[in-house]
Amino acid sequence: MISDPSNRIGAAAVMMCLLCFATASASEPPTACDLLAAHPSDPDRIVDGRSQSEIMPDIERTIATCRRDVEHDESPRLTYYLGRVLFYRGELEEGLELVETAAAQGHRQSQFVSALIRANGIPDVIAADPCHARELWANAASRGHYAATLAVARHHLGGAFADCVGDGPTTAEMHAWLETAGHYERAGDYFHGLLIGLLREQLDD
């Protein structure tokens, strides 16, 4: 039995899992905002996506482009991308508001990111609320978001939700989500599979 799951998994493993993503859909033509600001880990993206380091040299044009596209199409995906790039520029309050708007509309990546922020909070911007984070991660995980699947199990095992009122996801539900995650394309990587296996073993313990 593993006595301290949060220490055994480690922050490095958790950060590794955040890089995983499902195959993107190509069912609609991308907007300019998609091309400039899509997140590589967004399972609902329609282009490959760009990292923060790729976005930053052209951040002002990217923000202006996404603002224009969101004015014509307030889809959760584009709303999230605008929030994402605003966050990168340090516009934390507006960025978070947009991310949470998209999360409320069911955008899985927005739910994951909003939960990640709420798990620890941001001083002077938003208080930590791990119970809300649990709800968001569980919602995204139940609909196949890889990183949310790992995050909700890892934080559950680490005791982050111990003070939450009401029922969270059951052990059986988390097992099922992790089993599904094991079939994702990039979960075929040895280290990703190792992490999934470790989480499932700890849930049994």
Protein backbone atom coordinates (compact mmCIF):
# COMPACT_ATOMS: atom_id res chain seq x y z
CA MET A 1 0.00 0.00 0.00
CA ILE A 2 1.31 3.47 -0.89
CA SER A 3 1.03 5.72 2.12
CA ASP A 4 1.47 9.12 0.49
CA PRO A 5 0.11 9.18 -3.07
CA SER A 6 0.73 12.85 -3.69
CA ASN A 7 4.43 12.52 -2.90
CA ARG A 8 4.86 9.32 -4.86
CA ILE A 9 3.28 10.69 -8.00
CA GLY A 10 5.07 14.02 -7.76
CA ALA A 11 4.52 17.34 -9.43
CA ALA A 12 6.67 16.39 -12.42
CA ALA A 13 4.42 13.48 -13.32
CA VAL A 14 1.31 15.63 -13.03
CA MET A 15 2.81 18.30 -15.28
CA MET A 16 3.74 15.59 -17.76
CA CYS A 17 0.15 14.40 -17.99
CA LEU A 18 -1.07 17.90 -18.80
CA LEU A 19 0.71 17.67 -22.15
CA CYS A 20 -1.52 14.81 -23.30
CA PHE A 21 -4.33 15.42 -25.75
CA ALA A 22 -6.89 13.62 -27.83
CA THR A 23 -7.05 13.77 -31.59
CA ALA A 24 -8.55 17.00 -32.90
CA SER A 25 -11.70 17.24 -34.93
CA ALA A 26 -11.51 18.70 -38.41
CA SER A 27 -15.25 19.06 -39.03
CA GLU A 28 -15.24 22.85 -39.53
CA PRO A 29 -12.87 25.38 -41.08
CA PRO A 30 -10.58 27.06 -38.54
CA THR A 31 -10.86 30.75 -37.76
CA ALA A 32 -7.84 33.04 -37.56
CA CYS A 33 -8.12 32.79 -33.78
CA ASP A 34 -7.95 28.99 -34.00
CA LEU A 35 -4.78 29.22 -36.04
CA LEU A 36 -3.13 31.69 -33.67
CA ALA A 37 -4.37 30.62 -30.24
CA ALA A 38 -5.62 27.02 -30.19
CA HIS A 39 -4.29 25.04 -27.24
CA PRO A 40 -2.46 21.79 -28.14
CA SER A 41 -4.16 19.99 -25.23
CA ASP A 42 -7.71 21.03 -26.14
CA PRO A 43 -9.49 17.86 -27.32
CA ASP A 44 -12.04 20.06 -29.12
CA ARG A 45 -9.47 22.06 -31.08
CA ILE A 46 -9.71 21.91 -34.89
CA VAL A 47 -6.03 22.71 -35.61
CA ASP A 48 -2.85 21.44 -33.98
CA GLY A 49 -2.49 24.34 -31.57
CA ARG A 50 0.39 26.52 -30.38
CA SER A 51 2.36 26.65 -27.16
CA GLN A 52 2.61 29.75 -24.99
CA SER A 53 6.17 30.35 -26.16
CA GLU A 54 4.99 30.34 -29.79
CA ILE A 55 2.17 32.77 -29.03
CA MET A 56 4.00 35.35 -26.92
CA PRO A 57 6.05 37.07 -29.67
CA ASP A 58 2.81 37.98 -31.44
CA ILE A 59 0.49 38.23 -28.44
CA GLU A 60 -1.07 41.62 -29.28
CA ARG A 61 -2.11 40.58 -32.80
CA THR A 62 -3.38 37.28 -31.44
CA ILE A 63 -5.56 39.01 -28.84
CA ALA A 64 -6.93 41.48 -31.39
CA THR A 65 -7.67 38.66 -33.83
CA CYS A 66 -9.44 36.54 -31.22
CA ARG A 67 -11.50 39.51 -30.00
CA ARG A 68 -12.69 40.08 -33.53
CA ASP A 69 -13.51 36.42 -34.10
CA VAL A 70 -15.37 36.11 -30.78
CA GLU A 71 -17.51 39.11 -31.75
CA HIS A 72 -18.76 37.07 -34.71
CA ASP A 73 -18.71 33.63 -33.10
CA GLU A 74 -19.14 33.32 -29.33
CA SER A 75 -18.43 29.60 -29.34
CA PRO A 76 -16.97 28.21 -26.11
CA ARG A 77 -13.84 27.15 -27.98
CA LEU A 78 -13.01 30.63 -29.26
CA THR A 79 -14.07 32.24 -25.98
CA TYR A 80 -11.56 30.01 -24.22
CA TYR A 81 -8.77 30.88 -26.67
CA LEU A 82 -9.34 34.59 -26.10
CA GLY A 83 -9.29 34.02 -22.35
CA ARG A 84 -6.13 31.96 -22.71
CA VAL A 85 -4.14 34.64 -24.52
CA LEU A 86 -5.40 37.40 -22.24
CA PHE A 87 -4.19 35.35 -19.31
CA TYR A 88 -0.76 35.06 -20.94
CA ARG A 89 -0.58 38.84 -21.25
CA GLY A 90 -1.38 39.22 -17.56
CA GLU A 91 -5.03 40.23 -17.95
CA LEU A 92 -5.97 37.70 -15.30
CA GLU A 93 -9.45 38.85 -14.35
CA GLU A 94 -10.79 39.19 -17.90
CA GLY A 95 -8.99 36.04 -18.99
CA LEU A 96 -10.42 34.02 -16.12
CA GLU A 97 -13.93 35.39 -16.74
CA LEU A 98 -13.80 34.19 -20.34
CA VAL A 99 -12.38 30.79 -19.41
CA GLU A 100 -15.15 30.32 -16.85
CA THR A 101 -17.78 31.42 -19.36
CA ALA A 102 -16.58 28.71 -21.73
CA ALA A 103 -16.41 26.20 -18.87
CA ALA A 104 -20.03 26.93 -17.93
CA GLN A 105 -20.96 26.14 -21.54
CA GLY A 106 -19.34 22.72 -21.23
CA HIS A 107 -16.03 23.29 -23.00
CA ARG A 108 -13.84 20.53 -21.59
CA GLN A 109 -10.46 22.26 -21.77
CA SER A 110 -11.95 25.36 -20.13
CA GLN A 111 -13.32 23.20 -17.31
CA PHE A 112 -9.91 21.63 -16.82
CA VAL A 113 -8.10 24.99 -16.78
CA SER A 114 -10.68 26.65 -14.55
CA ALA A 115 -10.36 23.76 -12.09
CA LEU A 116 -6.57 23.99 -12.20
CA ILE A 117 -6.80 27.67 -11.26
CA ARG A 118 -9.45 27.14 -8.60
CA ALA A 119 -7.56 24.27 -6.98
CA ASN A 120 -4.98 26.74 -5.63
CA GLY A 121 -6.49 30.15 -6.35
CA ILE A 122 -4.70 33.31 -7.47
CA PRO A 123 -3.92 35.97 -4.86
CA ASP A 124 -6.09 39.09 -5.27
CA VAL A 125 -7.95 37.49 -8.19
CA ILE A 126 -9.78 34.35 -7.03
CA ALA A 127 -9.84 32.32 -3.83
CA ALA A 128 -8.91 28.66 -3.79
CA ASP A 129 -11.97 26.42 -4.11
CA PRO A 130 -10.92 22.77 -4.45
CA CYS A 131 -14.52 21.59 -4.20
CA HIS A 132 -15.52 23.56 -7.28
CA ALA A 133 -12.34 22.29 -8.94
CA ARG A 134 -13.46 18.73 -8.21
CA GLU A 135 -16.82 19.38 -9.87
CA LEU A 136 -15.21 20.86 -12.98
CA TRP A 137 -12.57 18.15 -13.32
CA ALA A 138 -15.14 15.41 -12.83
CA ASN A 139 -17.39 16.92 -15.49
CA ALA A 140 -14.56 17.12 -18.00
CA ALA A 141 -13.23 13.67 -17.06
CA SER A 142 -16.65 12.08 -17.51
CA ARG A 143 -16.59 13.37 -21.09
CA GLY A 144 -13.13 12.08 -21.94
CA HIS A 145 -10.72 14.89 -21.05
CA TYR A 146 -7.42 13.11 -20.46
CA ALA A 147 -5.71 15.58 -18.11
CA ALA A 148 -8.88 16.14 -16.07
CA THR A 149 -9.18 12.37 -15.63
CA LEU A 150 -5.71 12.18 -14.12
CA ALA A 151 -6.07 15.41 -12.15
CA VAL A 152 -9.29 14.48 -10.34
CA ALA A 153 -7.90 11.08 -9.33
CA ARG A 154 -4.55 12.49 -8.22
CA HIS A 155 -6.08 15.29 -6.11
CA HIS A 156 -8.63 12.88 -4.64
CA LEU A 157 -5.81 10.58 -3.55
CA GLY A 158 -3.87 13.52 -2.15
CA GLY A 159 -6.78 14.51 0.08
CA ALA A 160 -7.53 17.81 -1.66
CA PHE A 161 -11.29 17.16 -1.55
CA ALA A 162 -11.48 15.89 2.04
CA ASP A 163 -13.45 18.91 3.25
CA CYS A 164 -15.89 19.01 0.35
CA VAL A 165 -19.58 18.59 1.08
CA GLY A 166 -21.59 16.24 -1.08
CA ASP A 167 -20.62 13.25 -3.14
CA GLY A 168 -17.80 13.50 -5.63
CA PRO A 169 -16.95 10.91 -8.26
CA THR A 170 -16.90 7.37 -6.94
CA THR A 171 -13.86 5.12 -7.02
CA ALA A 172 -15.61 3.06 -9.69
CA GLU A 173 -16.16 6.13 -11.84
CA MET A 174 -12.53 7.22 -11.54
CA HIS A 175 -11.39 3.69 -12.38
CA ALA A 176 -13.55 3.73 -15.50
CA TRP A 177 -12.21 7.12 -16.59
CA LEU A 178 -8.61 6.00 -16.06
CA GLU A 179 -9.25 2.79 -17.98
CA THR A 180 -10.55 4.87 -20.88
CA ALA A 181 -7.55 7.19 -20.58
CA GLY A 182 -5.32 4.15 -20.99
CA HIS A 183 -6.69 3.71 -24.51
CA TYR A 184 -5.99 7.29 -25.63
CA GLU A 185 -3.43 7.58 -28.39
CA ARG A 186 -0.72 9.25 -26.31
CA ALA A 187 -1.38 7.11 -23.26
CA GLY A 188 0.43 4.38 -25.20
CA ASP A 189 3.63 6.08 -24.05
CA TYR A 190 5.31 4.03 -21.30
CA PHE A 191 5.43 6.82 -18.74
CA HIS A 192 1.82 7.83 -19.29
CA GLY A 193 0.77 4.22 -18.89
CA LEU A 194 2.87 3.97 -15.73
CA LEU A 195 1.13 7.00 -14.25
CA ILE A 196 -2.33 5.67 -15.08
CA GLY A 197 -1.43 2.31 -13.57
CA LEU A 198 -0.11 3.94 -10.39
CA LEU A 199 -3.28 5.98 -9.96
CA ARG A 200 -5.46 2.90 -10.41
CA GLU A 201 -3.42 0.93 -7.88
CA GLN A 202 -3.72 3.74 -5.35
CA LEU A 203 -7.47 3.93 -5.85
CA ASP A 204 -7.64 0.24 -4.96
CA ASP A 205 -5.60 0.89 -1.81
